[in-house]
Amino acid sequence: MRPIALVGPTATGKSDLALDLAEALAARGVGGEVAAEVVNADAMQLYRGMDIGTAKLPPDARRGVPHHLLDVLDVTETATVAAYQRDARAAVDATRARGRVPLVVGGSGLYVQAVLDDLRFPGTDPALRARLDAELATVGPAALHARLAARDPDAARDILASNGRRIVRALEVVELTGQPFAASLPRPGAPRHDALLVGLDRDTAVLDDRIAARVDAMLAAGLVDEVATLAARGLRDGATASRAVGYREVLDHLDGAIDLDEARRRTVVATRRLVRRQRSWFRRDARVHWLDAARPDLVATVLGLADPSEGAPRSD
């Protein structure tokens, strides 16, 4: 069976659906006792120790289904799509070689696309990157954003003035290529796999409530202690990890800038903004079959889409 990608907004139930699909495939005798393997496509779940705030499934909750690309980076390391692409493609290829179904699961749109499509990424120059990073630390993101606006106004409009890492990358690409940043961004090429892309979503009001409840559950489960532990391991110095939703808000709380109630409120708001960005990204891909995550026949519907001979119920 072809690979299946489960994509869409956070808090819609992608991880649980992946496990349900793996069990259903095993019951059908597809691939043997272990019928499917999950390839993580959530950028923040790459990090060791970032468990509660990323809703990462603990090992004892994975129902014996192998998971790849979880816990592969320290919080001080920078996640790159190019490195992820290399490792995730290897995991997908190895899973298929074992006769099992790869389930690519996550809401990081470019990461999903990097696995499934023939994307090539602009190169990097360590010396130039180091110089720009040093400038960022010295003058701050606003000054570099102003430079980007002068060099590439379109890129500056698309990148938040506070997103230092993205500003640095845009300036690096502009200086390396002499072209606008957008001209150097990867675009979909020929698909590498005949993958099924399934987008999960829920009614906006329902998803808003789920997000608020999930943030409360994360705090009750010890998110503040998790962030404090990671801060002692260098979380504040991590260019990628420190920006994760929930973690940056709790860091502000630990630093005394805001109280815990405000950290909670900001996390809920930031998560809802993330949902809007995820919807916008994935809705542009005409290959995605959108399903209401609340429908009771979700597993059968996805399996029917993956294997039309099964007769798939209509998608939403």
Protein backbone atom coordinates (compact mmCIF):
# COMPACT_ATOMS: atom_id res chain seq x y z
CA MET A 1 0.00 0.00 0.00
CA ARG A 2 1.21 3.50 -0.77
CA PRO A 3 2.41 5.88 1.96
CA ILE A 4 -0.22 7.84 3.85
CA ALA A 5 0.38 11.38 5.11
CA LEU A 6 -1.85 12.66 7.91
CA VAL A 7 -1.67 16.45 7.92
CA GLY A 8 -3.59 19.50 9.04
CA PRO A 9 -3.96 21.68 12.12
CA THR A 10 -2.67 20.77 15.54
CA ALA A 11 -5.02 19.19 18.09
CA THR A 12 -7.16 17.45 15.47
CA GLY A 13 -6.12 13.91 16.41
CA LYS A 14 -3.53 12.96 13.79
CA SER A 15 -1.36 10.90 16.14
CA ASP A 16 -4.25 8.82 17.43
CA LEU A 17 -5.55 8.23 13.92
CA ALA A 18 -2.12 7.00 12.84
CA LEU A 19 -2.17 4.36 15.57
CA ASP A 20 -5.72 3.34 14.69
CA LEU A 21 -4.70 2.98 11.04
CA ALA A 22 -1.67 0.90 11.96
CA GLU A 23 -3.83 -1.47 14.00
CA ALA A 24 -6.43 -1.71 11.24
CA LEU A 25 -3.74 -2.52 8.67
CA ALA A 26 -2.29 -5.20 10.94
CA ALA A 27 -5.76 -6.72 11.35
CA ARG A 28 -6.02 -6.91 7.57
CA GLY A 29 -2.68 -8.68 7.38
CA VAL A 30 -0.95 -5.85 5.56
CA GLY A 31 2.78 -6.02 6.25
CA GLY A 32 2.57 -8.62 9.00
CA GLU A 33 2.11 -8.19 12.74
CA VAL A 34 3.62 -4.70 12.48
CA ALA A 35 1.90 -3.26 9.43
CA ALA A 36 2.85 0.41 9.53
CA GLU A 37 5.49 2.74 10.90
CA VAL A 38 5.09 6.41 11.77
CA VAL A 39 7.48 9.04 10.41
CA ASN A 40 7.17 12.20 12.47
CA ALA A 41 6.61 15.44 10.53
CA ASP A 42 6.31 17.81 13.49
CA ALA A 43 9.42 19.97 13.68
CA MET A 44 9.27 20.42 17.45
CA GLN A 45 8.87 16.71 18.19
CA LEU A 46 12.39 16.24 16.83
CA TYR A 47 13.68 17.56 20.16
CA ARG A 48 14.58 15.40 23.13
CA GLY A 49 12.72 16.42 26.27
CA MET A 50 10.10 18.50 24.49
CA ASP A 51 7.35 16.04 25.27
CA ILE A 52 4.43 17.58 27.13
CA GLY A 53 4.32 20.84 25.17
CA THR A 54 4.44 19.11 21.78
CA ALA A 55 1.87 16.43 22.68
CA LYS A 56 4.46 13.80 21.83
CA LEU A 57 3.18 10.27 22.36
CA PRO A 58 5.24 8.56 25.09
CA PRO A 59 6.71 5.18 24.10
CA ASP A 60 4.20 3.21 26.17
CA ALA A 61 1.32 4.89 24.33
CA ARG A 62 2.53 4.01 20.82
CA ARG A 63 0.83 0.58 20.81
CA GLY A 64 3.95 -1.13 19.54
CA VAL A 65 4.01 0.92 16.34
CA PRO A 66 7.58 2.02 15.43
CA HIS A 67 8.08 5.78 15.32
CA HIS A 68 10.88 7.59 13.50
CA LEU A 69 12.35 11.09 13.76
CA LEU A 70 11.36 11.64 17.38
CA ASP A 71 13.93 12.76 19.98
CA VAL A 72 16.82 13.17 17.53
CA LEU A 73 18.01 16.69 18.46
CA ASP A 74 19.11 18.50 21.60
CA VAL A 75 17.28 21.75 22.29
CA THR A 76 20.43 23.73 21.52
CA GLU A 77 20.60 22.33 17.98
CA THR A 78 18.93 23.98 15.02
CA ALA A 79 16.42 21.93 13.06
CA THR A 80 16.79 22.22 9.29
CA VAL A 81 14.39 20.99 6.66
CA ALA A 82 17.28 19.71 4.55
CA ALA A 83 18.58 17.42 7.32
CA TYR A 84 15.06 16.30 8.13
CA GLN A 85 14.41 15.55 4.47
CA ARG A 86 17.43 13.27 4.29
CA ASP A 87 16.53 11.31 7.41
CA ALA A 88 12.79 11.13 6.84
CA ARG A 89 13.15 9.93 3.27
CA ALA A 90 15.50 7.20 4.50
CA ALA A 91 12.90 6.17 7.11
CA VAL A 92 10.11 6.06 4.51
CA ASP A 93 12.22 4.03 2.09
CA ALA A 94 13.29 1.57 4.80
CA THR A 95 9.70 1.14 5.98
CA ARG A 96 8.54 0.35 2.45
CA ALA A 97 11.43 -2.09 2.03
CA ARG A 98 10.11 -3.97 5.07
CA GLY A 99 6.73 -4.28 3.36
CA ARG A 100 5.08 -1.86 5.76
CA VAL A 101 3.06 1.29 5.21
CA PRO A 102 4.80 4.58 6.06
CA LEU A 103 2.52 6.98 7.92
CA VAL A 104 3.92 10.52 7.67
CA VAL A 105 2.25 12.40 10.50
CA GLY A 106 2.48 16.05 11.45
CA GLY A 107 1.50 19.63 10.89
CA SER A 108 4.81 21.12 9.72
CA GLY A 109 3.89 21.73 6.10
CA LEU A 110 7.31 22.16 4.56
CA TYR A 111 8.56 19.04 6.37
CA VAL A 112 5.74 16.93 4.92
CA GLN A 113 6.40 18.34 1.47
CA ALA A 114 10.14 17.70 1.80
CA VAL A 115 9.46 13.99 2.33
CA LEU A 116 6.85 13.47 -0.35
CA ASP A 117 7.97 15.80 -3.14
CA ASP A 118 11.15 16.40 -5.09
CA LEU A 119 12.19 19.56 -3.27
CA ARG A 120 15.68 21.01 -3.37
CA PHE A 121 16.76 23.65 -0.92
CA PRO A 122 19.07 26.63 -1.38
CA GLY A 123 22.55 26.09 -0.03
CA THR A 124 24.11 27.77 2.96
CA ASP A 125 27.39 29.52 3.65
CA PRO A 126 28.67 28.95 7.21
CA ALA A 127 30.78 32.12 7.25
CA LEU A 128 27.95 34.30 5.96
CA ARG A 129 25.47 32.69 8.34
CA ALA A 130 27.83 33.23 11.28
CA ARG A 131 28.21 36.90 10.37
CA LEU A 132 24.46 37.42 10.11
CA ASP A 133 23.85 35.55 13.36
CA ALA A 134 26.40 37.76 15.09
CA GLU A 135 24.66 40.85 13.74
CA LEU A 136 21.32 39.50 14.92
CA ALA A 137 22.71 39.09 18.43
CA THR A 138 24.18 42.60 18.35
CA VAL A 139 21.54 44.78 16.68
CA GLY A 140 18.42 42.61 17.00
CA PRO A 141 15.88 41.36 14.46
CA ALA A 142 14.23 44.72 13.75
CA ALA A 143 17.39 46.19 12.25
CA LEU A 144 17.97 43.14 10.07
CA HIS A 145 14.32 43.18 9.05
CA ALA A 146 14.75 46.77 7.88
CA ARG A 147 17.73 45.66 5.77
CA LEU A 148 15.68 42.83 4.33
CA ALA A 149 12.87 45.28 3.50
CA ALA A 150 15.34 47.35 1.49
CA ARG A 151 16.79 44.31 -0.31
CA ASP A 152 13.66 42.20 -0.72
CA PRO A 153 10.39 43.98 0.20
CA ASP A 154 8.22 40.96 -0.61
CA ALA A 155 10.18 38.72 1.76
CA ALA A 156 10.04 41.37 4.49
CA ARG A 157 6.26 41.54 4.18
CA ASP A 158 5.98 37.77 4.63
CA ILE A 159 8.38 37.45 7.57
CA LEU A 160 7.60 38.79 11.03
CA ALA A 161 10.00 41.48 12.19
CA SER A 162 10.54 39.45 15.37
CA ASN A 163 11.49 36.21 13.59
CA GLY A 164 15.24 36.63 13.67
CA ARG A 165 16.10 33.17 12.43
CA ARG A 166 13.92 33.47 9.35
CA ILE A 167 15.19 36.99 8.61
CA VAL A 168 18.77 35.75 8.77
CA ARG A 169 17.97 32.89 6.40
CA ALA A 170 16.28 35.24 3.93
CA LEU A 171 19.24 37.64 3.98
CA GLU A 172 21.63 34.72 3.55
CA VAL A 173 19.78 33.42 0.49
CA VAL A 174 19.48 36.89 -1.04
CA GLU A 175 23.22 37.50 -0.61
CA LEU A 176 24.17 34.06 -1.89
CA THR A 177 21.92 33.98 -4.92
CA GLY A 178 21.38 37.63 -5.78
CA GLN A 179 17.70 36.78 -6.16
CA PRO A 180 14.63 37.51 -4.03
CA PHE A 181 14.12 35.04 -1.23
CA ALA A 182 10.85 33.80 -2.73
CA ALA A 183 12.59 32.89 -5.98
CA SER A 184 14.87 30.56 -4.06
CA LEU A 185 12.21 28.85 -1.99
CA PRO A 186 11.58 25.19 -2.81
CA ARG A 187 8.55 24.50 -4.93
CA PRO A 188 6.75 21.23 -5.42
CA GLY A 189 8.39 19.03 -7.99
CA ALA A 190 7.40 15.58 -9.09
CA PRO A 191 6.07 13.54 -6.16
CA ARG A 192 8.59 10.96 -4.94
CA HIS A 193 5.82 8.60 -3.83
CA ASP A 194 2.25 7.99 -4.89
CA ALA A 195 1.25 9.05 -1.41
CA LEU A 196 -2.25 9.63 -0.08
CA LEU A 197 -2.53 12.96 1.72
CA VAL A 198 -5.32 13.17 4.28
CA GLY A 199 -6.07 16.44 6.02
CA LEU A 200 -7.82 16.34 9.38
CA ASP A 201 -9.75 19.35 10.61
CA ARG A 202 -12.57 20.18 12.98
CA ASP A 203 -15.14 22.92 13.35
CA THR A 204 -13.27 26.06 14.39
CA ALA A 205 -15.19 26.57 17.63
CA VAL A 206 -14.71 22.92 18.57
CA LEU A 207 -11.00 23.08 17.80
CA ASP A 208 -10.63 26.29 19.82
CA ASP A 209 -12.13 24.49 22.81
CA ARG A 210 -9.86 21.48 22.25
CA ILE A 211 -6.82 23.75 22.15
CA ALA A 212 -7.74 25.47 25.41
CA ALA A 213 -8.37 22.12 27.09
CA ARG A 214 -5.09 20.75 25.77
CA VAL A 215 -3.09 23.70 27.07
CA ASP A 216 -4.70 23.25 30.48
CA ALA A 217 -3.87 19.54 30.40
CA MET A 218 -0.26 20.29 29.47
CA LEU A 219 0.11 22.68 32.36
CA ALA A 220 -1.45 20.15 34.73
CA ALA A 221 0.92 17.47 33.42
CA GLY A 222 3.99 19.52 34.33
CA LEU A 223 4.80 21.74 31.34
CA VAL A 224 6.38 24.40 33.55
CA ASP A 225 8.73 21.87 35.12
CA GLU A 226 9.55 20.47 31.68
CA VAL A 227 10.49 23.92 30.39
CA ALA A 228 12.55 24.65 33.50
CA THR A 229 14.48 21.41 32.99
CA LEU A 230 15.09 22.22 29.33
CA ALA A 231 16.12 25.79 30.20
CA ALA A 232 18.87 24.31 32.36
CA ARG A 233 19.97 22.34 29.28
CA GLY A 234 20.21 25.45 27.10
CA LEU A 235 16.69 25.89 25.72
CA ARG A 236 17.03 29.68 25.62
CA ASP A 237 20.02 29.30 23.29
CA GLY A 238 18.18 27.05 20.86
CA ALA A 239 17.33 28.99 17.72
CA THR A 240 14.46 26.64 16.85
CA ALA A 241 13.36 24.98 20.08
CA SER A 242 13.07 28.19 22.09
CA ARG A 243 10.43 29.49 19.66
CA ALA A 244 8.08 26.54 20.08
CA VAL A 245 4.54 27.50 21.05
CA GLY A 246 4.08 27.02 24.77
CA TYR A 247 7.79 26.89 25.49
CA ARG A 248 8.53 30.52 24.71
CA GLU A 249 5.53 31.62 26.80
CA VAL A 250 6.56 29.51 29.78
CA LEU A 251 10.14 30.78 29.45
CA ASP A 252 8.75 34.31 29.75
CA HIS A 253 6.92 33.19 32.88
CA LEU A 254 10.05 31.62 34.36
CA ASP A 255 11.94 34.81 33.61
CA GLY A 256 9.35 36.78 35.60
CA ALA A 257 8.02 38.71 32.61
CA ILE A 258 4.46 37.34 32.88
CA ASP A 259 2.44 35.30 35.36
CA LEU A 260 1.30 31.76 34.65
CA ASP A 261 -2.25 32.79 33.72
CA GLU A 262 -0.87 35.12 31.07
CA ALA A 263 1.48 32.41 29.81
CA ARG A 264 -1.52 30.12 29.45
CA ARG A 265 -3.53 32.77 27.61
CA ARG A 266 -0.70 33.54 25.22
CA THR A 267 -0.14 29.86 24.52
CA VAL A 268 -3.80 29.37 23.62
CA VAL A 269 -3.73 32.42 21.33
CA ALA A 270 -0.46 31.36 19.69
CA THR A 271 -1.77 27.85 19.10
CA ARG A 272 -4.89 29.20 17.41
CA ARG A 273 -2.68 31.35 15.19
CA LEU A 274 -0.63 28.27 14.36
CA VAL A 275 -3.81 26.48 13.34
CA ARG A 276 -4.66 29.26 10.90
CA ARG A 277 -1.21 29.06 9.34
CA GLN A 278 -1.42 25.28 9.06
CA ARG A 279 -4.83 25.46 7.41
CA SER A 280 -3.57 28.05 4.96
CA TRP A 281 -0.55 25.94 4.04
CA PHE A 282 -2.28 22.62 3.55
CA ARG A 283 -5.39 24.03 1.87
CA ARG A 284 -3.18 25.15 -1.00
CA ASP A 285 -2.36 21.53 -1.83
CA ALA A 286 -5.07 20.14 -4.08
CA ARG A 287 -3.94 16.57 -3.35
CA VAL A 288 -5.17 16.68 0.25
CA HIS A 289 -8.40 14.83 1.00
CA TRP A 290 -10.02 16.78 3.83
CA LEU A 291 -11.94 14.86 6.48
CA ASP A 292 -13.82 15.92 9.58
CA ALA A 293 -11.77 14.44 12.40
CA ALA A 294 -14.97 13.83 14.37
CA ARG A 295 -16.54 11.45 11.86
CA PRO A 296 -17.00 7.96 13.31
CA ASP A 297 -15.84 6.09 10.19
CA LEU A 298 -12.51 7.89 9.94
CA VAL A 299 -10.28 4.81 9.78
CA ALA A 300 -12.43 3.08 7.17
CA THR A 301 -12.60 6.26 5.12
CA VAL A 302 -8.82 6.70 5.05
CA LEU A 303 -8.23 3.05 4.21
CA GLY A 304 -10.78 3.28 1.43
CA LEU A 305 -9.00 6.31 0.01
CA ALA A 306 -5.67 4.50 0.22
CA ASP A 307 -7.09 1.44 -1.53
CA PRO A 308 -10.04 2.41 -3.75
CA SER A 309 -10.96 -1.26 -4.17
CA GLU A 310 -12.19 -1.09 -0.58
CA GLY A 311 -14.79 1.50 -1.54
CA ALA A 312 -14.13 4.70 0.33
CA PRO A 313 -16.97 6.65 1.92
CA ARG A 314 -17.21 10.23 0.65
CA SER A 315 -14.76 12.69 2.11
CA ASP A 316 -15.77 16.14 3.32
